[in-house]
PDB file of N, CA and C in Angstrom:
ATOM      1  N   ARG A   1      -2.921  -0.789  23.166  1.00  0.00           N
ATOM      2  CA  ARG A   1      -2.120  -1.992  22.903  1.00  0.00           C
ATOM      3  C   ARG A   1      -2.253  -1.962  21.314  1.00  0.00           C
ATOM      4  N   ALA A   2      -1.186  -2.179  20.785  1.00  0.00           N
ATOM      5  CA  ALA A   2      -0.783  -2.450  19.363  1.00  0.00           C
ATOM      6  C   ALA A   2      -0.768  -3.701  18.803  1.00  0.00           C
ATOM      7  N   ASP A   3      -1.292  -4.403  17.864  1.00  0.00           N
ATOM      8  CA  ASP A   3      -0.900  -5.554  17.507  1.00  0.00           C
ATOM      9  C   ASP A   3       0.064  -5.931  16.519  1.00  0.00           C
ATOM     10  N   ARG A   4       0.403  -4.557  15.731  1.00  0.00           N
ATOM     11  CA  ARG A   4       1.692  -4.514  15.107  1.00  0.00           C
ATOM     12  C   ARG A   4       1.831  -3.014  15.092  1.00  0.00           C
ATOM     13  N   VAL A   5       3.244  -2.875  14.714  1.00  0.00           N
ATOM     14  CA  VAL A   5       3.681  -1.200  14.465  1.00  0.00           C
ATOM     15  C   VAL A   5       4.030  -1.510  12.844  1.00  0.00           C
ATOM     16  N   THR A   6       3.765  -0.802  11.913  1.00  0.00           N
ATOM     17  CA  THR A   6       4.545  -0.754  10.571  1.00  0.00           C
ATOM     18  C   THR A   6       5.228   0.519  10.469  1.00  0.00           C
ATOM     19  N   VAL A   7       6.603   0.224  10.143  1.00  0.00           N
ATOM     20  CA  VAL A   7       7.501   1.118   9.904  1.00  0.00           C
ATOM     21  C   VAL A   7       7.466   1.564   8.288  1.00  0.00           C
ATOM     22  N   THR A   8       7.589   2.800   7.773  1.00  0.00           N
ATOM     23  CA  THR A   8       8.436   3.022   6.457  1.00  0.00           C
ATOM     24  C   THR A   8       9.661   3.846   6.627  1.00  0.00           C
ATOM     25  N   TRP A   9      10.847   3.356   6.231  1.00  0.00           N
ATOM     26  CA  TRP A   9      12.272   3.881   7.017  1.00  0.00           C
ATOM     27  C   TRP A   9      12.348   4.551   5.605  1.00  0.00           C
ATOM     28  N   PRO A  10      13.467   5.669   5.855  1.00  0.00           N
ATOM     29  CA  PRO A  10      13.524   7.027   4.746  1.00  0.00           C
ATOM     30  C   PRO A  10      14.333   6.069   3.760  1.00  0.00           C
ATOM     31  N   SER A  11      15.020   4.768   3.648  1.00  0.00           N
ATOM     32  CA  SER A  11      15.405   3.991   2.580  1.00  0.00           C
ATOM     33  C   SER A  11      14.384   3.478   1.772  1.00  0.00           C
ATOM     34  N   GLY A  12      12.916   3.493   2.518  1.00  0.00           N
ATOM     35  CA  GLY A  12      11.961   3.216   1.510  1.00  0.00           C
ATOM     36  C   GLY A  12      11.545   1.515   1.826  1.00  0.00           C
ATOM     37  N   LYS A  13      12.150   1.462   2.461  1.00  0.00           N
ATOM     38  CA  LYS A  13      11.742  -0.440   2.763  1.00  0.00           C
ATOM     39  C   LYS A  13      10.653  -0.021   4.121  1.00  0.00           C
ATOM     40  N   GLN A  14       9.813  -1.361   4.231  1.00  0.00           N
ATOM     41  CA  GLN A  14       8.947  -1.187   5.300  1.00  0.00           C
ATOM     42  C   GLN A  14       9.312  -2.496   6.231  1.00  0.00           C
ATOM     43  N   GLN A  15       8.635  -2.212   7.600  1.00  0.00           N
ATOM     44  CA  GLN A  15       9.222  -3.117   8.318  1.00  0.00           C
ATOM     45  C   GLN A  15       7.973  -3.120   9.659  1.00  0.00           C
ATOM     46  N   VAL A  16       7.720  -4.271   9.969  1.00  0.00           N
ATOM     47  CA  VAL A  16       6.558  -4.810  10.602  1.00  0.00           C
ATOM     48  C   VAL A  16       7.158  -5.426  11.893  1.00  0.00           C
ATOM     49  N   PHE A  17       6.854  -4.557  12.952  1.00  0.00           N
ATOM     50  CA  PHE A  17       7.155  -5.043  14.425  1.00  0.00           C
ATOM     51  C   PHE A  17       5.634  -5.830  14.938  1.00  0.00           C
ATOM     52  N   THR A  18       5.671  -6.861  15.470  1.00  0.00           N
ATOM     53  CA  THR A  18       4.262  -7.408  16.180  1.00  0.00           C
ATOM     54  C   THR A  18       4.507  -7.219  17.531  1.00  0.00           C
ATOM     55  N   ASN A  19       3.136  -7.249  17.855  1.00  0.00           N
ATOM     56  CA  ASN A  19       3.019  -7.426  19.202  1.00  0.00           C
ATOM     57  C   ASN A  19       3.720  -6.519  20.462  1.00  0.00           C
ATOM     58  N   PRO A  20       4.104  -5.274  20.284  1.00  0.00           N
ATOM     59  CA  PRO A  20       4.712  -4.968  21.398  1.00  0.00           C
ATOM     60  C   PRO A  20       4.090  -4.400  22.503  1.00  0.00           C
ATOM     61  N   ALA A  21       5.022  -4.569  23.623  1.00  0.00           N
ATOM     62  CA  ALA A  21       4.117  -4.519  24.984  1.00  0.00           C
ATOM     63  C   ALA A  21       3.917  -2.906  25.266  1.00  0.00           C
ATOM     64  N   ALA A  22       2.687  -2.524  25.664  1.00  0.00           N
ATOM     65  CA  ALA A  22       2.086  -1.473  26.042  1.00  0.00           C
ATOM     66  C   ALA A  22       2.900  -0.947  27.116  1.00  0.00           C
ATOM     67  N   GLY A  23       3.081   0.687  27.041  1.00  0.00           N
ATOM     68  CA  GLY A  23       3.252   1.099  28.470  1.00  0.00           C
ATOM     69  C   GLY A  23       5.018   1.335  28.322  1.00  0.00           C
ATOM     70  N   ARG A  24       5.533   1.000  27.314  1.00  0.00           N
ATOM     71  CA  ARG A  24       7.025   1.039  27.237  1.00  0.00           C
ATOM     72  C   ARG A  24       7.641   1.839  25.997  1.00  0.00           C
ATOM     73  N   SER A  25       8.584   2.279  26.241  1.00  0.00           N
ATOM     74  CA  SER A  25       9.451   3.096  25.012  1.00  0.00           C
ATOM     75  C   SER A  25      10.269   2.063  24.434  1.00  0.00           C
ATOM     76  N   TRP A  26      10.273   1.885  23.013  1.00  0.00           N
ATOM     77  CA  TRP A  26      10.915   1.265  22.118  1.00  0.00           C
ATOM     78  C   TRP A  26      11.801   2.156  21.185  1.00  0.00           C
ATOM     79  N   ARG A  27      13.028   1.488  21.005  1.00  0.00           N
ATOM     80  CA  ARG A  27      14.130   1.825  19.988  1.00  0.00           C
ATOM     81  C   ARG A  27      13.863   1.355  18.684  1.00  0.00           C
ATOM     82  N   LEU A  28      13.663   1.603  17.543  1.00  0.00           N
ATOM     83  CA  LEU A  28      13.250   0.646  16.302  1.00  0.00           C
ATOM     84  C   LEU A  28      14.343   0.986  15.406  1.00  0.00           C
ATOM     85  N   ARG A  29      15.202  -0.091  15.269  1.00  0.00           N
ATOM     86  CA  ARG A  29      16.451   0.294  13.916  1.00  0.00           C
ATOM     87  C   ARG A  29      15.924  -0.620  12.628  1.00  0.00           C
ATOM     88  N   GLU A  30      16.256   0.276  11.642  1.00  0.00           N
ATOM     89  CA  GLU A  30      15.997  -0.338  10.591  1.00  0.00           C
ATOM     90  C   GLU A  30      16.713  -1.897  10.197  1.00  0.00           C
ATOM     91  N   GLY A  31      16.181  -2.768   9.825  1.00  0.00           N
ATOM     92  CA  GLY A  31      16.857  -4.183   9.656  1.00  0.00           C
ATOM     93  C   GLY A  31      16.829  -4.987  10.978  1.00  0.00           C
ATOM     94  N   ALA A  32      16.634  -4.335  12.308  1.00  0.00           N
ATOM     95  CA  ALA A  32      16.679  -5.389  13.533  1.00  0.00           C
ATOM     96  C   ALA A  32      15.634  -6.013  13.228  1.00  0.00           C
ATOM     97  N   ALA A  33      15.715  -7.600  14.049  1.00  0.00           N
ATOM     98  CA  ALA A  33      14.917  -8.340  13.984  1.00  0.00           C
ATOM     99  C   ALA A  33      13.418  -8.177  15.299  1.00  0.00           C
ATOM    100  N   ALA A  34      13.874  -7.380  16.159  1.00  0.00           N
ATOM    101  CA  ALA A  34      13.161  -6.908  17.014  1.00  0.00           C
ATOM    102  C   ALA A  34      13.421  -5.687  17.460  1.00  0.00           C
ATOM    103  N   PRO A  35      12.235  -5.095  18.041  1.00  0.00           N
ATOM    104  CA  PRO A  35      12.590  -3.534  18.797  1.00  0.00           C
ATOM    105  C   PRO A  35      13.383  -3.640  20.143  1.00  0.00           C
ATOM    106  N   GLU A  36      13.920  -2.599  20.465  1.00  0.00           N
ATOM    107  CA  GLU A  36      14.941  -2.839  21.623  1.00  0.00           C
ATOM    108  C   GLU A  36      14.129  -1.904  22.747  1.00  0.00           C
ATOM    109  N   ALA A  37      13.522  -2.498  23.960  1.00  0.00           N
ATOM    110  CA  ALA A  37      13.125  -2.146  24.987  1.00  0.00           C
ATOM    111  C   ALA A  37      13.737  -1.198  25.706  1.00  0.00           C
ATOM    112  N   LEU A  38      13.746   0.377  25.654  1.00  0.00           N
ATOM    113  CA  LEU A  38      14.426   1.328  26.645  1.00  0.00           C
ATOM    114  C   LEU A  38      14.076   0.979  28.019  1.00  0.00           C
ATOM    115  N   PRO A  39      15.116   1.603  29.082  1.00  0.00           N
ATOM    116  CA  PRO A  39      15.043   1.630  30.410  1.00  0.00           C
ATOM    117  C   PRO A  39      13.620   2.535  30.476  1.00  0.00           C
ATOM    118  N   TRP A  40      13.271   2.087  31.790  1.00  0.00           N
ATOM    119  CA  TRP A  40      12.038   2.813  32.336  1.00  0.00           C
ATOM    120  C   TRP A  40      12.582   4.108  33.028  1.00  0.00           C
ATOM    121  N   SER A  41      11.921   5.038  32.813  1.00  0.00           N
ATOM    122  CA  SER A  41      12.192   6.377  33.430  1.00  0.00           C
ATOM    123  C   SER A  41      10.674   7.084  33.608  1.00  0.00           C
ATOM    124  N   PRO A  42      10.582   7.301  35.101  1.00  0.00           N
ATOM    125  CA  PRO A  42       9.414   8.202  35.580  1.00  0.00           C
ATOM    126  C   PRO A  42       8.998   9.196  34.750  1.00  0.00           C
ATOM    127  N   ARG A  43       7.796   9.430  34.323  1.00  0.00           N
ATOM    128  CA  ARG A  43       7.626  10.581  33.626  1.00  0.00           C
ATOM    129  C   ARG A  43       7.874  12.074  34.637  1.00  0.00           C
ATOM    130  N   ARG A  44       8.300  13.018  33.675  1.00  0.00           N
ATOM    131  CA  ARG A  44       8.554  14.247  34.614  1.00  0.00           C
ATOM    132  C   ARG A  44       7.193  15.294  34.070  1.00  0.00           C
ATOM    133  N   GLU A  45       7.028  15.965  35.406  1.00  0.00           N
ATOM    134  CA  GLU A  45       6.002  16.621  35.397  1.00  0.00           C
ATOM    135  C   GLU A  45       6.002  17.998  34.645  1.00  0.00           C
ATOM    136  N   GLU A  46       5.163  18.506  34.051  1.00  0.00           N
ATOM    137  CA  GLU A  46       5.112  19.391  33.163  1.00  0.00           C
ATOM    138  C   GLU A  46       4.830  20.897  34.230  1.00  0.00           C
ATOM    139  N   ARG A  47       5.224  21.863  33.761  1.00  0.00           N
ATOM    140  CA  ARG A  47       5.023  23.191  34.494  1.00  0.00           C
ATOM    141  C   ARG A  47       4.164  24.065  33.743  1.00  0.00           C
TER     142      ARG A  47
END
């Protein structure tokens, strides 16, 4: 669990996303108000 995620974008701007749900994959976009939850997919087994 993370209380917040701070991203420093290539432009130099910093952005903070708060309380992202654990166990999910997120798409972060510079300037977006909130992260986008990606569809769940099962983990692939490694060989």
